[in-house]
Protein backbone atom coordinates (compact mmCIF):
# COMPACT_ATOMS: atom_id res chain seq x y z
CA MET A 1 71.03 10.65 76.23
CA ASN A 2 71.93 9.58 72.95
CA ALA A 3 71.48 11.44 69.83
CA PHE A 4 67.86 10.06 68.29
CA ASN A 5 66.75 10.83 72.47
CA LYS A 6 68.07 14.20 72.27
CA ARG A 7 66.59 15.20 68.69
CA THR A 8 63.26 13.56 70.35
CA ALA A 9 63.20 15.57 73.51
CA TRP A 10 63.89 18.54 71.33
CA ARG A 11 61.21 18.07 68.51
CA ILE A 12 58.52 17.25 71.37
CA GLY A 13 59.90 20.27 73.47
CA ALA A 14 59.28 22.36 70.39
CA VAL A 15 55.92 21.12 69.25
CA SER A 16 54.95 21.97 73.22
CA LEU A 17 56.25 25.20 73.38
CA LEU A 18 54.20 25.96 69.31
CA LEU A 19 51.25 24.45 70.89
CA ALA A 20 51.43 26.48 74.23
CA PHE A 21 51.95 29.74 72.77
CA LEU A 22 49.41 29.29 69.99
CA ALA A 23 46.68 27.69 72.38
CA SER A 24 47.47 30.10 75.27
CA PRO A 25 46.17 32.98 73.34
CA VAL A 26 43.40 31.61 72.34
CA VAL A 27 42.16 30.50 75.53
CA TRP A 28 42.89 33.69 77.51
CA PHE A 29 40.58 35.41 74.51
CA VAL A 30 37.89 32.83 75.07
CA ALA A 31 38.32 32.70 79.02
CA ARG A 32 38.20 36.88 78.91
CA GLU A 33 35.16 36.87 76.57
CA HIS A 34 33.63 34.21 78.79
CA ALA A 35 33.92 36.39 81.60
CA GLU A 36 32.37 39.34 80.25
CA GLU A 37 29.74 37.77 78.65
CA SER A 38 28.77 36.21 82.37
CA THR A 39 29.36 39.73 83.82
CA VAL A 40 26.53 40.95 81.31
CA SER A 41 24.28 37.98 81.62
CA LEU A 42 24.12 38.61 85.58
CA ALA A 43 23.52 42.13 85.15
CA ILE A 44 20.75 41.61 82.43
CA GLU A 45 19.17 38.71 84.77
CA GLU A 46 19.07 40.97 87.43
CA SER A 47 17.55 43.87 85.96
CA LYS A 48 14.98 41.86 84.52
CA ARG A 49 14.37 40.76 88.18
CA LEU A 50 14.29 43.97 89.49
CA LEU A 51 12.15 45.73 86.55
CA GLY A 52 9.84 43.32 87.40
CA ARG A 53 9.35 43.69 91.08
CA PHE A 54 8.46 47.58 90.19
CA GLY A 55 6.01 46.51 87.73
CA ALA A 56 8.07 48.54 85.42
CA ILE A 57 7.38 45.77 82.51
CA ALA A 58 4.23 47.44 82.38
CA LEU A 59 5.10 51.04 81.20
CA SER A 60 1.74 52.10 80.67
CA GLY A 61 -1.05 54.54 82.43
CA PRO A 62 -0.66 57.50 84.78
CA ASP A 63 2.17 56.53 87.05
CA ALA A 64 4.19 54.44 84.46
CA ALA A 65 7.30 56.92 84.83
CA LEU A 66 7.11 57.25 88.95
CA ARG A 67 7.42 53.31 88.48
CA ALA A 68 10.26 53.61 85.99
CA HIS A 69 11.99 56.27 87.60
CA GLY A 70 12.00 53.94 91.06
CA ALA A 71 13.40 51.26 89.44
CA ALA A 72 16.48 53.20 87.32
CA LYS A 73 16.85 54.71 91.31
CA THR A 74 17.01 50.83 92.52
CA LEU A 75 19.13 49.16 89.61
CA VAL A 76 21.86 52.31 89.59
CA GLY A 77 24.43 51.69 92.13
CA GLY A 78 24.39 48.18 92.13
CA LEU A 79 24.85 46.61 88.73
CA PHE A 80 24.59 49.59 86.88
CA ASP A 81 26.19 53.27 86.85
CA ILE A 82 23.30 54.54 84.23
CA ALA A 83 19.88 52.95 84.28
CA GLU A 84 17.48 54.15 81.67
CA ILE A 85 13.87 53.09 80.99
CA TYR A 86 11.99 53.55 77.77
CA ASP A 87 8.30 53.19 77.12
CA GLY A 88 7.18 50.70 74.17
CA GLN A 89 7.58 53.59 71.63
CA GLY A 90 11.04 54.32 72.63
CA GLN A 91 10.59 57.41 74.53
CA ARG A 92 12.62 58.00 77.83
CA LEU A 93 10.59 57.55 81.00
CA ALA A 94 13.35 57.31 83.65
CA GLU A 95 17.21 57.48 83.86
CA ALA A 96 19.39 57.52 86.86
CA MET A 97 23.23 57.31 87.09
CA THR A 98 25.98 57.15 89.79
CA ALA A 99 29.09 59.36 89.92
CA ASP A 100 30.94 57.54 87.60
CA GLY A 101 28.21 57.26 85.13
CA THR A 102 27.66 60.88 85.00
CA LEU A 103 31.23 61.09 84.04
CA VAL A 104 31.34 58.87 81.31
CA GLU A 105 27.42 59.49 80.01
CA GLY A 106 29.25 62.11 78.13
CA ILE A 107 31.29 60.66 76.40
CA LEU A 108 28.74 57.46 75.08
CA LEU A 109 27.15 57.64 72.01
CA HIS A 110 23.35 58.38 71.88
CA HIS A 111 21.28 56.87 69.66
CA ALA A 112 17.64 57.80 68.29
CA ALA A 113 14.80 55.66 69.90
CA PRO A 114 15.31 52.53 70.80
CA THR A 115 13.59 49.58 68.42
CA TYR A 116 15.57 46.02 69.15
CA THR A 117 13.84 43.20 70.29
CA THR A 118 16.47 41.25 71.13
CA THR A 119 18.92 41.31 74.45
CA SER A 120 22.55 42.72 73.18
CA TYR A 121 25.49 44.00 74.61
CA GLU A 122 28.75 46.37 73.68
CA SER A 123 31.84 46.15 75.18
CA LEU A 124 33.61 49.58 75.33
CA ARG A 125 36.91 50.98 75.76
CA LEU A 126 36.96 54.62 76.62
CA PRO A 127 39.42 57.27 75.33
CA ASP A 128 40.19 57.56 79.23
CA LYS A 129 41.10 53.48 79.28
CA ARG A 130 38.17 53.10 81.39
CA TRP A 131 35.99 49.88 80.39
CA VAL A 132 32.05 50.18 80.56
CA LEU A 133 29.49 47.55 79.57
CA ARG A 134 26.48 48.61 77.82
CA VAL A 135 23.44 46.43 77.88
CA PHE A 136 20.37 46.49 75.99
CA VAL A 137 17.01 44.73 76.64
CA PRO A 138 13.56 44.72 75.52
CA LEU A 139 10.82 44.63 78.16
CA ARG A 140 7.60 42.18 77.68
CA LEU A 141 4.78 41.50 79.95
CA SER A 142 5.70 38.08 81.55
CA GLY A 143 4.35 35.22 80.74
CA ASN A 144 3.07 36.61 77.54
CA GLY A 145 6.20 34.60 75.21
CA GLN A 146 7.04 36.63 72.26
CA SER A 147 4.22 39.24 72.60
CA GLU A 148 4.37 43.08 71.63
CA ILE A 149 7.66 44.61 73.37
CA THR A 150 6.35 46.89 76.25
CA GLY A 151 9.52 48.86 77.34
CA TYR A 152 13.21 49.05 77.09
CA PHE A 153 15.96 49.31 79.44
CA GLU A 154 19.31 50.29 78.71
CA GLY A 155 22.14 50.15 81.39
CA VAL A 156 25.72 51.11 81.58
CA ARG A 157 28.13 49.55 83.68
CA VAL A 158 31.55 50.94 84.32
CA VAL A 159 33.51 47.82 85.02
CA PRO A 160 35.91 48.73 88.30
CA GLU A 161 39.15 47.95 88.12
CA TRP A 162 39.88 45.22 90.62
CA GLN A 163 36.47 43.26 88.74
CA ARG A 164 38.60 43.86 85.22
CA GLN A 165 41.64 42.70 86.83
CA GLN A 166 40.18 39.78 88.13
CA MET A 167 38.93 39.02 84.96
CA LEU A 168 41.88 39.11 83.37
CA ASP A 169 43.81 37.30 86.07
CA SER A 170 41.24 34.43 85.39
CA ALA A 171 41.67 34.47 81.89
CA LEU A 172 45.64 34.73 82.19
CA SER A 173 45.40 31.57 84.66
CA ALA A 174 43.51 29.52 82.20
CA ALA A 175 45.56 30.24 79.63
CA LEU A 176 49.18 29.63 81.87
CA MET A 177 46.79 26.10 82.98
CA VAL A 178 46.63 25.42 79.22
CA GLY A 179 50.18 26.05 78.40
CA PHE A 180 51.32 24.24 81.19
CA ALA A 181 49.15 21.07 80.39
CA SER A 182 50.36 21.35 76.69
CA LEU A 183 54.13 21.05 78.37
CA LEU A 184 53.27 18.14 80.66
CA CYS A 185 51.56 16.55 78.09
CA GLY A 186 54.99 16.65 75.90
CA ALA A 187 56.71 15.32 79.04
CA ALA A 188 54.72 12.50 79.49
CA ILE A 189 54.83 11.53 75.70
CA TYR A 190 58.80 11.51 75.77
CA PRO A 191 59.45 8.51 77.54
CA VAL A 192 56.51 6.52 75.47
CA VAL A 193 57.96 7.73 72.21
CA VAL A 194 62.02 6.94 73.23
CA ARG A 195 60.49 3.43 74.78
CA LEU A 196 58.53 2.60 71.34
CA SER A 197 62.09 3.74 69.64
CA ALA A 198 64.13 1.53 71.55
CA ASP A 199 61.81 -1.45 71.04
CA ASN A 200 61.81 -0.58 67.11
CA GLU A 201 65.55 -0.13 67.04
CA ARG A 202 66.06 -3.70 68.84
CA LYS A 203 63.64 -5.66 66.57
CA ALA A 204 65.43 -3.76 63.94
CA ARG A 205 68.67 -4.96 65.37
CA GLU A 206 67.61 -8.24 65.58
CA VAL A 207 66.26 -8.40 61.98
CA LEU A 208 69.62 -7.09 60.74
CA ASP A 209 71.55 -9.50 62.90
CA SER A 210 69.65 -12.32 61.22
CA HIS A 211 70.20 -10.98 57.87
CA ILE A 212 74.09 -10.61 58.51
CA SER A 213 73.97 -14.26 59.90
CA MET A 214 72.23 -15.46 57.09
CA MET A 215 74.90 -13.84 54.81
CA GLU A 216 77.56 -15.37 56.71
CA ALA A 217 75.95 -18.72 56.08
CA LEU A 218 75.93 -18.52 52.37
CA GLY A 219 79.13 -17.02 52.70
CA ARG A 220 80.13 -20.44 54.37
CA ALA A 221 78.31 -22.61 52.08
CA ILE A 222 79.88 -21.19 48.97
CA ALA A 223 83.55 -21.51 50.51
CA LYS A 224 82.73 -24.95 51.07
CA ARG A 225 81.80 -25.70 47.49
CA ASP A 226 84.86 -23.74 46.29
CA SER A 227 88.41 -24.36 46.72
CA ASP A 228 88.64 -20.95 48.19
CA THR A 229 88.47 -20.78 51.95
CA GLY A 230 85.82 -18.27 53.79
CA THR A 231 88.35 -16.04 54.39
CA HIS A 232 88.63 -14.79 51.08
CA ASN A 233 84.71 -13.32 51.50
CA TYR A 234 85.67 -11.49 54.85
CA ARG A 235 88.93 -10.03 53.31
CA VAL A 236 87.44 -8.61 49.84
CA ALA A 237 84.33 -7.54 51.62
CA TRP A 238 86.34 -5.47 54.71
CA MET A 239 88.88 -4.03 51.52
CA ALA A 240 86.36 -3.15 49.29
CA GLY A 241 84.63 -1.44 51.92
CA ARG A 242 88.42 0.76 53.03
CA MET A 243 88.06 1.75 49.42
CA ALA A 244 84.15 3.15 49.57
CA GLU A 245 84.65 4.71 52.42
CA LYS A 246 87.56 7.23 50.61
CA LEU A 247 84.70 7.44 47.80
CA GLY A 248 81.50 8.55 49.82
CA PHE A 249 79.79 5.47 50.07
CA ARG A 250 77.49 5.79 53.10
CA GLY A 251 74.25 4.20 54.53
CA THR A 252 72.57 1.87 52.16
CA SER A 253 75.21 2.30 49.47
CA MET A 254 77.71 1.02 51.89
CA GLN A 255 75.50 -1.83 52.99
CA SER A 256 74.76 -3.02 49.71
CA LEU A 257 78.65 -2.91 48.74
CA ILE A 258 79.68 -5.04 51.98
CA ILE A 259 76.91 -7.58 51.48
CA GLY A 260 77.50 -7.75 47.59
CA SER A 261 81.22 -8.17 48.07
CA PHE A 262 80.76 -10.79 50.56
CA LEU A 263 78.34 -12.56 48.68
CA HIS A 264 79.88 -12.08 44.93
CA ASP A 265 80.01 -15.74 44.16
CA VAL A 266 76.91 -16.85 45.81
CA GLY A 267 76.12 -17.90 42.02
CA LYS A 268 78.73 -20.69 42.38
CA ILE A 269 76.08 -23.15 44.62
CA GLY A 270 74.64 -23.81 41.02
CA ILE A 271 77.73 -24.72 39.25
CA PRO A 272 78.43 -28.65 39.00
CA ASP A 273 81.16 -29.93 40.87
CA ALA A 274 82.83 -31.22 38.15
CA VAL A 275 83.52 -27.91 36.29
CA LEU A 276 83.77 -25.78 39.70
CA LEU A 277 86.38 -28.58 41.47
CA LYS A 278 88.15 -29.45 38.04
CA PRO A 279 92.17 -29.03 38.69
CA GLY A 280 93.04 -28.74 35.06
CA PRO A 281 91.84 -25.60 32.50
CA LEU A 282 88.57 -25.57 31.47
CA ASN A 283 87.41 -25.86 28.26
CA SER A 284 85.21 -23.65 25.94
CA ASP A 285 81.88 -25.01 27.26
CA GLU A 286 82.94 -25.47 30.88
CA LEU A 287 83.94 -21.97 30.65
CA ALA A 288 80.65 -20.99 29.86
CA VAL A 289 79.35 -23.21 32.59
CA MET A 290 81.66 -20.98 34.92
CA HIS A 291 80.64 -18.01 33.86
CA SER A 292 76.89 -18.86 34.32
CA HIS A 293 77.33 -18.23 38.01
CA VAL A 294 76.75 -14.35 37.65
CA GLN A 295 73.15 -15.27 36.27
CA LEU A 296 72.75 -17.65 38.74
CA GLY A 297 73.65 -15.25 41.62
CA GLU A 298 71.22 -12.43 40.12
CA GLU A 299 68.80 -14.87 40.17
CA ILE A 300 69.07 -16.05 44.02
CA MET A 301 69.60 -12.21 44.53
CA ILE A 302 65.87 -11.66 43.53
CA GLY A 303 62.82 -11.68 46.08
CA ILE A 304 65.10 -11.05 49.07
CA GLY A 305 64.24 -7.48 49.60
CA TRP A 306 67.79 -6.96 51.82
CA LEU A 307 70.04 -8.84 48.93
CA GLU A 308 68.47 -7.10 45.86
CA ASP A 309 70.77 -3.70 46.64
CA ALA A 310 73.58 -6.04 46.59
CA LYS A 311 72.90 -7.27 42.91
CA GLU A 312 75.04 -4.51 41.59
CA VAL A 313 78.44 -6.36 42.85
CA VAL A 314 77.20 -9.72 42.28
CA SER A 315 76.41 -9.22 38.66
CA GLY A 316 79.03 -6.79 37.46
CA HIS A 317 82.18 -8.02 39.72
CA HIS A 318 83.33 -9.87 36.26
CA GLU A 319 82.88 -6.63 34.16
CA LYS A 320 86.15 -4.94 33.22
CA TRP A 321 87.18 -1.12 32.62
CA ASP A 322 87.62 -1.72 28.80
CA GLY A 323 84.44 -3.80 28.10
CA SER A 324 86.14 -7.19 27.76
CA GLY A 325 84.59 -8.77 30.72
CA TYR A 326 81.31 -10.76 31.28
CA PRO A 327 78.29 -11.27 31.25
CA ARG A 328 77.50 -7.95 29.64
CA GLN A 329 80.75 -6.37 28.47
CA LEU A 330 80.21 -3.76 30.19
CA LYS A 331 82.45 -0.49 29.61
CA GLY A 332 83.80 1.73 31.63
CA GLU A 333 81.31 3.90 34.11
CA GLN A 334 78.31 1.88 32.74
CA ILE A 335 79.80 -1.25 35.38
CA PRO A 336 78.52 0.30 38.55
CA LEU A 337 80.88 1.91 40.87
CA ALA A 338 80.09 -0.86 43.56
CA ALA A 339 81.27 -3.45 41.13
CA ARG A 340 84.50 -1.37 39.83
CA ILE A 341 85.68 -1.20 43.80
CA PHE A 342 85.15 -5.00 44.29
CA ALA A 343 87.14 -5.48 40.70
CA VAL A 344 90.32 -4.41 42.75
CA ALA A 345 89.79 -5.72 45.55
CA ASP A 346 88.87 -9.18 44.46
CA VAL A 347 91.94 -9.57 42.43
CA PHE A 348 94.44 -7.98 44.72
CA ASP A 349 93.53 -10.60 47.42
CA ALA A 350 93.30 -13.37 44.68
CA LEU A 351 96.80 -12.53 43.96
CA CYS A 352 98.07 -12.04 47.48
CA SER A 353 96.90 -15.34 48.93
CA ARG A 354 97.63 -18.86 49.28
CA ARG A 355 95.51 -21.31 47.23
CA PRO A 356 96.19 -25.04 46.48
CA TYR A 357 97.07 -24.13 42.91
CA LYS A 358 99.59 -21.32 43.85
CA GLU A 359 101.67 -19.65 46.62
CA PRO A 360 100.84 -15.97 47.59
CA MET A 361 102.59 -13.14 45.44
CA GLY A 362 104.51 -10.21 47.50
CA PHE A 363 102.77 -7.09 47.62
CA ASP A 364 105.02 -5.52 44.75
CA ALA A 365 104.65 -7.98 42.28
CA ALA A 366 100.51 -7.90 42.67
CA MET A 367 100.39 -4.40 42.66
CA ALA A 368 102.69 -4.30 39.28
CA ILE A 369 100.05 -6.60 37.88
CA LEU A 370 96.92 -4.17 39.38
CA GLU A 371 98.92 -0.77 37.83
CA ALA A 372 99.35 -2.90 34.53
CA ASP A 373 95.87 -3.25 34.09
CA ALA A 374 94.60 0.40 35.67
CA ASP A 375 93.20 1.19 32.13
CA SER A 376 91.96 -2.11 31.21
CA HIS A 377 90.22 -4.20 33.77
CA PHE A 378 90.05 -1.56 36.26
CA ASP A 379 88.54 1.55 37.12
CA PRO A 380 92.02 4.10 37.35
CA ALA A 381 89.84 6.34 39.59
CA VAL A 382 89.24 3.37 41.78
CA MET A 383 92.69 2.60 41.59
CA ALA A 384 93.89 6.15 42.31
CA VAL A 385 92.00 5.46 45.95
CA PHE A 386 93.58 1.93 46.30
CA ARG A 387 97.06 2.97 45.82
CA PRO A 388 97.84 4.89 48.77
CA MET A 389 95.99 2.52 50.93
CA ALA A 390 96.90 -0.95 49.57
CA ARG A 391 100.51 -1.85 51.61
CA ASP A 392 98.68 -1.03 55.12
CA ILE A 393 95.79 -3.44 53.29
CA PHE A 394 98.66 -5.89 52.74
CA GLU A 395 100.36 -5.80 55.86
CA ARG A 396 97.12 -6.05 57.72
CA LEU A 397 95.78 -9.00 56.01
CA ALA A 398 99.36 -10.81 55.74
CA GLY A 399 98.81 -14.49 57.33
CA CYS A 400 95.34 -13.35 58.57
CA SER A 401 93.33 -16.31 59.52
CA GLU A 402 89.38 -16.72 59.05
CA ALA A 403 88.50 -15.50 62.47
CA ALA A 404 90.77 -12.25 62.66
CA ALA A 405 89.55 -11.65 58.81
CA SER A 406 85.91 -11.87 60.43
CA LYS A 407 86.80 -9.36 63.27
CA LEU A 408 87.92 -7.35 60.79
CA LEU A 409 84.87 -7.32 58.82
CA GLU A 410 82.66 -7.41 62.06
CA GLY A 411 83.86 -3.77 63.08
CA GLN A 412 83.24 -2.50 59.74
CA VAL A 413 79.68 -3.94 59.76
CA ARG A 414 78.66 -2.57 63.17
CA HIS A 415 79.56 0.94 62.04
CA HIS A 416 77.68 1.06 58.89
CA PHE A 417 75.14 -1.31 59.96
CA GLY A 418 74.80 0.99 63.26
CA LEU A 419 74.76 -2.18 65.53
């Protein structure tokens, strides 16, 4: 499992657990409340049915108390442990209770004559840990809609331990199922996310491959126009990358430096052959045309998203630390660091390479020239980084073919571009 898949698994797992921890208590509470309300609803409906059978809804007349007493006795022992029936004026007509009802009756708070108009209930936890449900039912004549209330029924149910445990177990089962569903959902989402990510990564790599291929094609086009070989582009890009690693370049900053270094002379595509390939020294007008390759390179970079960040090297690789360079005579840290790094690599490679008009210099002679220009042409801090690695770079690139130089840069590109 790669690093991305591990991170994805951890994050999806964490979110799934969080959802489970948040949702499960809510579901447990809702399920418990629902079970409690179902028990109360059953008790209320059953009480209304039994009261209707005994005619207790018509709580008037000389035998009202007798009917109320019979109904109360019937209700007690089934769904209720205490049953109280009141007439329409709130006077108690009958009361009956079981042994459990007798135990809790003294603990329950008594209230004034009932006057409520809607069915309701209370859920009470007594000091001795017993759980009591208390229902309040206004009684009306059947079939008379919202007519005058003719009486009241109040019932108390001491919920037995087995029923309480059953309700809690049901609520717990519902909560566990929701928690398990959250985890299962996370497990199902993980492979989908990984697959989509892999597809996106593959497409991104394809795009990146095409960009790098285009970069190499542009580099070859520049090399064919200039007297340099394409090897120069590979070498200077690799050298600049080596120095940039020591200076802390990472990610897009490193990618931009490598691309900019490889395409530093892209503007030479627009320089006429008469100037670009002239064997002798250039006059002032021709020199101005040659210097314009920097501006041409900038113009080529504009509007091409993946190339625009590389413009720092293209626009600044001929600037000098003391401000005597071109085209803008930037000085010191006004010059982008990427361009200052590349300047050292460019000059060192030019000195150490064979060209049609010169033989390659040895290491000591090339370094002597760079050291002499360390405070004028080159950034002293960049030279301090380059100095310890210079001989190793020289030995690795001595007599290096274009294919070998390309292989060196390919390894660097794969590392920093995530290929």
